[in-house]
Amino acid sequence: VVVDENNTLLGVFTDGDLRRLLQKERDCIDIEVSKVMNCNPKTISRDELAFDALGKMRDFAITALIVADGDKKVAGVINLHDILRAGIN
């Protein structure tokens, strides 16, 4: 998760993003993350249910959602494996 100094969500850079970058650019050490991050990551608000998070993850074929408020302040990340481990399905 990429945030600014006020913990405001700017984007996300995942392991999949890194793999795709490495396929295109073998020498990517000097590329700024802001140039390759997803600026519109999938989020969920902290007052939504874990069941809803699971639905979003299934809909978008992703394994994690950023938990953020209406001002894009990041509260954390919810992971598919944590939801399933809790018995929610």
N, C-alpha and C. Protein backbone atom coordinates (compact mmCIF):
# COMPACT_ATOMS: atom_id res chain seq x y z
N VAL A 1 0.86 -1.16 0.00
CA VAL A 1 0.00 0.00 0.00
C VAL A 1 0.91 1.23 0.00
N VAL A 2 0.62 2.16 -0.88
CA VAL A 2 1.39 3.39 -0.98
C VAL A 2 0.54 4.52 -0.40
N VAL A 3 1.08 5.18 0.62
CA VAL A 3 0.38 6.29 1.27
C VAL A 3 1.30 7.51 1.31
N ASP A 4 0.70 8.67 1.55
CA ASP A 4 1.51 9.87 1.74
C ASP A 4 1.82 10.05 3.22
N GLU A 5 2.40 11.18 3.58
CA GLU A 5 2.81 11.42 4.97
C GLU A 5 1.62 11.52 5.92
N ASN A 6 0.40 11.69 5.39
CA ASN A 6 -0.81 11.76 6.22
C ASN A 6 -1.60 10.46 6.23
N ASN A 7 -0.98 9.39 5.73
CA ASN A 7 -1.61 8.07 5.67
C ASN A 7 -2.80 8.04 4.70
N THR A 8 -2.76 8.91 3.69
CA THR A 8 -3.78 8.95 2.66
C THR A 8 -3.38 8.02 1.53
N LEU A 9 -4.30 7.19 1.11
CA LEU A 9 -4.04 6.20 0.06
C LEU A 9 -3.70 6.87 -1.26
N LEU A 10 -2.56 6.48 -1.81
CA LEU A 10 -2.14 6.95 -3.13
C LEU A 10 -2.25 5.85 -4.17
N GLY A 11 -2.05 4.60 -3.73
CA GLY A 11 -2.11 3.48 -4.66
C GLY A 11 -1.62 2.21 -4.00
N VAL A 12 -1.42 1.21 -4.85
CA VAL A 12 -0.92 -0.07 -4.37
C VAL A 12 0.03 -0.65 -5.42
N PHE A 13 1.02 -1.35 -4.93
CA PHE A 13 1.98 -2.04 -5.81
C PHE A 13 2.09 -3.46 -5.29
N THR A 14 1.59 -4.41 -6.06
CA THR A 14 1.50 -5.80 -5.61
C THR A 14 2.63 -6.65 -6.17
N ASP A 15 2.69 -7.88 -5.68
CA ASP A 15 3.68 -8.82 -6.23
C ASP A 15 3.38 -9.10 -7.70
N GLY A 16 2.12 -9.11 -8.07
CA GLY A 16 1.77 -9.28 -9.48
C GLY A 16 2.23 -8.12 -10.32
N ASP A 17 2.11 -6.90 -9.78
CA ASP A 17 2.62 -5.72 -10.48
C ASP A 17 4.13 -5.84 -10.69
N LEU A 18 4.83 -6.32 -9.68
CA LEU A 18 6.27 -6.48 -9.78
C LEU A 18 6.63 -7.53 -10.84
N ARG A 19 5.92 -8.64 -10.85
CA ARG A 19 6.19 -9.68 -11.85
C ARG A 19 5.99 -9.13 -13.27
N ARG A 20 4.89 -8.41 -13.48
CA ARG A 20 4.62 -7.84 -14.80
C ARG A 20 5.68 -6.81 -15.18
N LEU A 21 6.12 -6.02 -14.22
CA LEU A 21 7.17 -5.03 -14.48
C LEU A 21 8.47 -5.73 -14.88
N LEU A 22 8.82 -6.79 -14.18
CA LEU A 22 10.06 -7.50 -14.49
C LEU A 22 10.02 -8.18 -15.85
N GLN A 23 8.83 -8.53 -16.31
CA GLN A 23 8.71 -9.11 -17.65
C GLN A 23 8.99 -8.06 -18.73
N LYS A 24 8.66 -6.81 -18.43
CA LYS A 24 8.87 -5.72 -19.39
C LYS A 24 10.25 -5.08 -19.24
N GLU A 25 10.65 -4.86 -18.00
CA GLU A 25 11.89 -4.13 -17.70
C GLU A 25 12.76 -4.96 -16.76
N ARG A 26 13.81 -5.53 -17.27
CA ARG A 26 14.69 -6.32 -16.42
C ARG A 26 15.45 -5.45 -15.43
N ASP A 27 15.78 -4.23 -15.83
CA ASP A 27 16.51 -3.32 -14.95
C ASP A 27 15.53 -2.23 -14.49
N CYS A 28 14.84 -2.52 -13.39
CA CYS A 28 13.79 -1.59 -12.95
C CYS A 28 14.10 -0.96 -11.59
N ILE A 29 15.31 -1.07 -11.13
CA ILE A 29 15.66 -0.58 -9.80
C ILE A 29 15.48 0.93 -9.66
N ASP A 30 15.59 1.67 -10.76
CA ASP A 30 15.49 3.13 -10.69
C ASP A 30 14.10 3.65 -11.06
N ILE A 31 13.15 2.77 -11.31
CA ILE A 31 11.79 3.20 -11.66
C ILE A 31 11.04 3.56 -10.38
N GLU A 32 10.45 4.75 -10.35
CA GLU A 32 9.69 5.18 -9.17
C GLU A 32 8.39 4.39 -9.08
N VAL A 33 8.04 3.99 -7.87
CA VAL A 33 6.82 3.21 -7.68
C VAL A 33 5.59 3.98 -8.14
N SER A 34 5.61 5.29 -8.04
CA SER A 34 4.47 6.09 -8.49
C SER A 34 4.22 5.94 -9.99
N LYS A 35 5.22 5.53 -10.73
CA LYS A 35 5.09 5.34 -12.18
C LYS A 35 4.46 3.99 -12.53
N VAL A 36 4.49 3.05 -11.60
CA VAL A 36 4.03 1.68 -11.92
C VAL A 36 2.95 1.16 -10.98
N MET A 37 2.59 1.93 -9.98
CA MET A 37 1.57 1.46 -9.03
C MET A 37 0.16 1.62 -9.62
N ASN A 38 -0.78 0.89 -9.05
CA ASN A 38 -2.19 1.04 -9.40
C ASN A 38 -2.72 2.20 -8.57
N CYS A 39 -3.16 3.25 -9.22
CA CYS A 39 -3.64 4.45 -8.52
C CYS A 39 -5.09 4.34 -8.08
N ASN A 40 -5.77 3.28 -8.47
CA ASN A 40 -7.18 3.08 -8.09
C ASN A 40 -7.39 1.67 -7.53
N PRO A 41 -6.73 1.37 -6.41
CA PRO A 41 -6.87 0.02 -5.86
C PRO A 41 -8.26 -0.23 -5.28
N LYS A 42 -8.61 -1.48 -5.17
CA LYS A 42 -9.89 -1.88 -4.57
C LYS A 42 -9.81 -1.65 -3.06
N THR A 43 -10.86 -1.04 -2.52
CA THR A 43 -10.90 -0.74 -1.09
C THR A 43 -12.24 -1.18 -0.50
N ILE A 44 -12.29 -1.16 0.79
CA ILE A 44 -13.52 -1.41 1.53
C ILE A 44 -13.48 -0.51 2.77
N SER A 45 -14.65 -0.07 3.21
CA SER A 45 -14.67 0.77 4.41
C SER A 45 -14.66 -0.09 5.65
N ARG A 46 -14.23 0.48 6.75
CA ARG A 46 -14.09 -0.29 7.99
C ARG A 46 -15.43 -0.70 8.57
N ASP A 47 -16.54 -0.09 8.13
CA ASP A 47 -17.84 -0.48 8.67
C ASP A 47 -18.57 -1.51 7.81
N GLU A 48 -17.93 -1.99 6.74
CA GLU A 48 -18.51 -3.06 5.94
C GLU A 48 -18.15 -4.41 6.57
N LEU A 49 -18.96 -5.40 6.28
CA LEU A 49 -18.78 -6.73 6.84
C LEU A 49 -17.67 -7.50 6.11
N ALA A 50 -17.05 -8.44 6.84
CA ALA A 50 -16.05 -9.31 6.23
C ALA A 50 -16.67 -10.11 5.09
N PHE A 51 -17.94 -10.48 5.23
CA PHE A 51 -18.65 -11.20 4.17
C PHE A 51 -18.68 -10.35 2.89
N ASP A 52 -18.88 -9.05 3.02
CA ASP A 52 -18.86 -8.15 1.87
C ASP A 52 -17.47 -8.05 1.25
N ALA A 53 -16.47 -8.04 2.10
CA ALA A 53 -15.09 -8.02 1.61
C ALA A 53 -14.80 -9.28 0.81
N LEU A 54 -15.26 -10.41 1.30
CA LEU A 54 -15.08 -11.68 0.59
C LEU A 54 -15.74 -11.61 -0.79
N GLY A 55 -16.93 -11.06 -0.84
CA GLY A 55 -17.63 -10.93 -2.12
C GLY A 55 -16.87 -10.06 -3.11
N LYS A 56 -16.32 -8.95 -2.62
CA LYS A 56 -15.54 -8.07 -3.49
C LYS A 56 -14.29 -8.78 -4.00
N MET A 57 -13.65 -9.52 -3.11
CA MET A 57 -12.45 -10.25 -3.51
C MET A 57 -12.78 -11.28 -4.58
N ARG A 58 -13.88 -11.97 -4.41
CA ARG A 58 -14.29 -12.95 -5.42
C ARG A 58 -14.64 -12.25 -6.73
N ASP A 59 -15.38 -11.16 -6.66
CA ASP A 59 -15.79 -10.43 -7.86
C ASP A 59 -14.60 -9.93 -8.68
N PHE A 60 -13.57 -9.48 -7.99
CA PHE A 60 -12.42 -8.90 -8.67
C PHE A 60 -11.22 -9.85 -8.77
N ALA A 61 -11.38 -11.09 -8.29
CA ALA A 61 -10.32 -12.10 -8.33
C ALA A 61 -9.03 -11.57 -7.69
N ILE A 62 -9.18 -11.03 -6.47
CA ILE A 62 -8.03 -10.53 -5.72
C ILE A 62 -8.03 -11.19 -4.35
N THR A 63 -6.93 -11.08 -3.63
CA THR A 63 -6.81 -11.74 -2.33
C THR A 63 -6.72 -10.78 -1.16
N ALA A 64 -6.79 -9.48 -1.42
CA ALA A 64 -6.72 -8.52 -0.33
C ALA A 64 -7.41 -7.23 -0.73
N LEU A 65 -7.93 -6.53 0.27
CA LEU A 65 -8.55 -5.22 0.08
C LEU A 65 -7.95 -4.25 1.08
N ILE A 66 -7.76 -3.03 0.65
CA ILE A 66 -7.30 -1.98 1.55
C ILE A 66 -8.51 -1.45 2.30
N VAL A 67 -8.39 -1.33 3.61
CA VAL A 67 -9.46 -0.76 4.44
C VAL A 67 -9.16 0.73 4.58
N ALA A 68 -10.10 1.55 4.05
CA ALA A 68 -9.89 3.00 4.08
C ALA A 68 -11.20 3.72 4.35
N ASP A 69 -11.11 4.90 4.92
CA ASP A 69 -12.32 5.68 5.17
C ASP A 69 -12.65 6.56 3.96
N GLY A 70 -13.67 7.38 4.08
CA GLY A 70 -14.12 8.22 2.98
C GLY A 70 -13.10 9.24 2.52
N ASP A 71 -12.16 9.59 3.39
CA ASP A 71 -11.09 10.53 3.03
C ASP A 71 -9.84 9.81 2.53
N LYS A 72 -9.98 8.52 2.26
CA LYS A 72 -8.88 7.67 1.79
C LYS A 72 -7.77 7.48 2.82
N LYS A 73 -8.10 7.65 4.10
CA LYS A 73 -7.13 7.36 5.16
C LYS A 73 -7.11 5.85 5.37
N VAL A 74 -5.94 5.27 5.30
CA VAL A 74 -5.80 3.81 5.38
C VAL A 74 -5.84 3.35 6.83
N ALA A 75 -6.70 2.36 7.09
CA ALA A 75 -6.81 1.76 8.41
C ALA A 75 -6.12 0.40 8.47
N GLY A 76 -5.95 -0.23 7.30
CA GLY A 76 -5.31 -1.53 7.26
C GLY A 76 -5.61 -2.26 5.97
N VAL A 77 -5.39 -3.58 6.02
CA VAL A 77 -5.63 -4.45 4.87
C VAL A 77 -6.32 -5.69 5.38
N ILE A 78 -7.33 -6.15 4.64
CA ILE A 78 -8.00 -7.41 4.98
C ILE A 78 -7.64 -8.42 3.90
N ASN A 79 -7.26 -9.60 4.34
CA ASN A 79 -6.75 -10.64 3.46
C ASN A 79 -7.74 -11.79 3.35
N LEU A 80 -7.86 -12.36 2.17
CA LEU A 80 -8.75 -13.49 1.91
C LEU A 80 -8.52 -14.64 2.89
N HIS A 81 -7.28 -14.98 3.14
CA HIS A 81 -6.97 -16.11 4.01
C HIS A 81 -7.43 -15.88 5.45
N ASP A 82 -7.36 -14.65 5.90
CA ASP A 82 -7.84 -14.33 7.25
C ASP A 82 -9.34 -14.49 7.34
N ILE A 83 -10.05 -14.08 6.30
CA ILE A 83 -11.51 -14.23 6.28
C ILE A 83 -11.90 -15.70 6.28
N LEU A 84 -11.26 -16.48 5.43
CA LEU A 84 -11.58 -17.91 5.35
C LEU A 84 -11.21 -18.63 6.64
N ARG A 85 -10.09 -18.24 7.24
CA ARG A 85 -9.66 -18.85 8.50
C ARG A 85 -10.68 -18.58 9.62
N ALA A 86 -11.36 -17.45 9.52
CA ALA A 86 -12.39 -17.10 10.51
C ALA A 86 -13.71 -17.85 10.26
N GLY A 87 -13.75 -18.61 9.18
CA GLY A 87 -14.93 -19.42 8.91
C GLY A 87 -16.01 -18.71 8.12
N ILE A 88 -15.68 -17.57 7.54
CA ILE A 88 -16.65 -16.82 6.74
C ILE A 88 -16.52 -17.27 5.29
N ASN A 89 -17.64 -17.69 4.73
CA ASN A 89 -17.58 -18.08 3.30
C ASN A 89 -18.90 -17.96 2.68
